[in-house]
Amino acid sequence: MPRRELLHVTAESIEDARLIRAVGEIDMSTVGALRRDLDAARKEVGTALLDLSGVTFIDSNGLHLLLKASQDSAVDGWGFVLVRPSAAVERLIELSGTADLLPLLDPGAELVHG
């Protein structure tokens, strides 16, 4: 039986923001790890850039987290941006009709730091 791909989350500081990269599957069993990193970025630096280019699967739990972070960002004034969503993420956003509710950076844009 093939091993299930879990979620790997890394975070690095970039000026006044935190770049959080998620790689793997975002679902009910893994969404908590991503939530913790988003909450930490919100408290510590105030801006979270969430790179979803390595996400191979995302379910409604992951979408709910993204929508909640976007809503909290609008209400509380912290920065939250989705960068480079993978095809799986783009498909879920398209099927759910939630693109207007999420702060998406142009998928073709390069994230530059250093």
Protein backbone atom coordinates (compact mmCIF):
# COMPACT_ATOMS: atom_id res chain seq x y z
CA MET A 1 0.00 0.00 0.00
CA PRO A 2 1.44 3.42 -0.93
CA ARG A 3 2.32 5.67 1.97
CA ARG A 4 -0.01 8.63 2.36
CA GLU A 5 1.65 11.95 1.69
CA LEU A 6 1.48 14.07 4.84
CA LEU A 7 1.79 17.82 5.08
CA HIS A 8 5.20 19.42 5.55
CA VAL A 9 5.13 23.07 6.62
CA THR A 10 8.15 25.37 6.76
CA ALA A 11 8.33 29.03 7.69
CA GLU A 12 10.96 31.70 7.13
CA SER A 13 11.09 35.39 7.87
CA ILE A 14 11.22 37.81 4.98
CA GLU A 15 11.52 41.43 6.10
CA ASP A 16 8.25 42.19 7.96
CA ALA A 17 6.49 38.99 6.90
CA ARG A 18 6.64 35.25 7.30
CA LEU A 19 6.69 33.02 4.23
CA ILE A 20 4.94 29.76 5.04
CA ARG A 21 5.32 26.90 2.56
CA ALA A 22 2.94 23.95 2.63
CA VAL A 23 3.91 20.77 0.79
CA GLY A 24 1.68 17.70 0.61
CA GLU A 25 -1.95 17.20 1.57
CA ILE A 26 -4.12 19.62 3.52
CA ASP A 27 -7.02 17.77 5.06
CA MET A 28 -8.70 17.14 8.41
CA SER A 29 -5.66 15.33 9.81
CA THR A 30 -3.07 17.92 8.75
CA VAL A 31 -4.82 21.29 8.78
CA GLY A 32 -3.91 21.91 12.43
CA ALA A 33 -0.19 22.19 11.64
CA LEU A 34 -0.85 24.84 9.03
CA ARG A 35 -3.23 26.68 11.35
CA ARG A 36 -0.52 26.85 14.04
CA ASP A 37 1.99 28.42 11.65
CA LEU A 38 -0.56 30.94 10.37
CA ASP A 39 -1.51 31.89 13.94
CA ALA A 40 2.16 32.29 14.89
CA ALA A 41 2.81 34.54 11.89
CA ARG A 42 -0.22 36.62 12.73
CA LYS A 43 0.96 37.14 16.33
CA GLU A 44 4.68 37.55 15.68
CA VAL A 45 5.05 39.46 12.41
CA GLY A 46 1.56 40.47 11.36
CA THR A 47 1.83 39.32 7.73
CA ALA A 48 1.67 35.79 6.37
CA LEU A 49 2.53 34.81 2.81
CA LEU A 50 1.19 31.31 2.25
CA ASP A 51 2.94 29.45 -0.59
CA LEU A 52 0.69 26.60 -1.72
CA SER A 53 2.65 25.56 -4.81
CA GLY A 54 3.57 22.20 -3.26
CA VAL A 55 0.05 21.22 -2.17
CA THR A 56 -1.03 17.99 -3.88
CA PHE A 57 -4.48 17.75 -2.26
CA ILE A 58 -6.74 20.09 -0.29
CA ASP A 59 -10.18 19.31 1.09
CA SER A 60 -12.93 21.44 2.60
CA ASN A 61 -11.04 21.65 5.92
CA GLY A 62 -8.14 23.34 4.14
CA LEU A 63 -10.47 25.64 2.24
CA HIS A 64 -12.22 26.59 5.47
CA LEU A 65 -8.85 27.48 7.04
CA LEU A 66 -7.97 29.71 4.06
CA LEU A 67 -11.37 31.42 4.12
CA LYS A 68 -11.19 31.94 7.90
CA ALA A 69 -7.67 33.40 7.67
CA SER A 70 -8.83 35.72 4.89
CA GLN A 71 -11.85 36.82 6.91
CA ASP A 72 -9.77 37.34 10.06
CA SER A 73 -7.26 39.33 8.02
CA ALA A 74 -9.97 41.68 6.78
CA VAL A 75 -11.47 42.14 10.25
CA ASP A 76 -8.27 42.38 12.30
CA GLY A 77 -6.05 44.15 9.78
CA TRP A 78 -3.23 41.59 9.54
CA GLY A 79 -1.69 40.73 6.21
CA PHE A 80 -2.59 37.42 4.60
CA VAL A 81 -1.81 36.50 0.99
CA LEU A 82 -1.94 33.21 -0.89
CA VAL A 83 0.95 32.86 -3.31
CA ARG A 84 1.45 30.35 -6.12
CA PRO A 85 -1.52 28.04 -5.49
CA SER A 86 -1.02 24.57 -6.94
CA ALA A 87 -3.39 23.10 -9.52
CA ALA A 88 -5.19 21.22 -6.71
CA VAL A 89 -5.74 24.44 -4.76
CA GLU A 90 -6.81 26.38 -7.85
CA ARG A 91 -9.31 23.65 -8.72
CA LEU A 92 -10.91 23.68 -5.27
CA ILE A 93 -11.12 27.47 -5.29
CA GLU A 94 -12.69 27.38 -8.76
CA LEU A 95 -15.20 24.63 -7.89
CA SER A 96 -16.18 26.33 -4.63
CA GLY A 97 -16.54 29.77 -6.24
CA THR A 98 -14.45 31.38 -3.49
CA ALA A 99 -11.79 33.20 -5.55
CA ASP A 100 -13.30 36.59 -4.69
CA LEU A 101 -13.01 35.80 -0.98
CA LEU A 102 -9.32 34.91 -1.00
CA PRO A 103 -6.30 37.24 -1.36
CA LEU A 104 -4.56 35.50 -4.28
CA LEU A 105 -1.29 36.81 -5.65
CA ASP A 106 -1.07 36.41 -9.41
CA PRO A 107 -0.13 32.73 -9.91
CA GLY A 108 2.49 33.72 -12.49
CA ALA A 109 4.21 36.19 -10.17
CA GLU A 110 7.62 35.31 -8.78
CA LEU A 111 8.20 35.69 -5.07
CA VAL A 112 11.51 37.49 -4.64
CA HIS A 113 13.45 37.67 -1.42
CA GLY A 114 16.98 37.79 -0.15
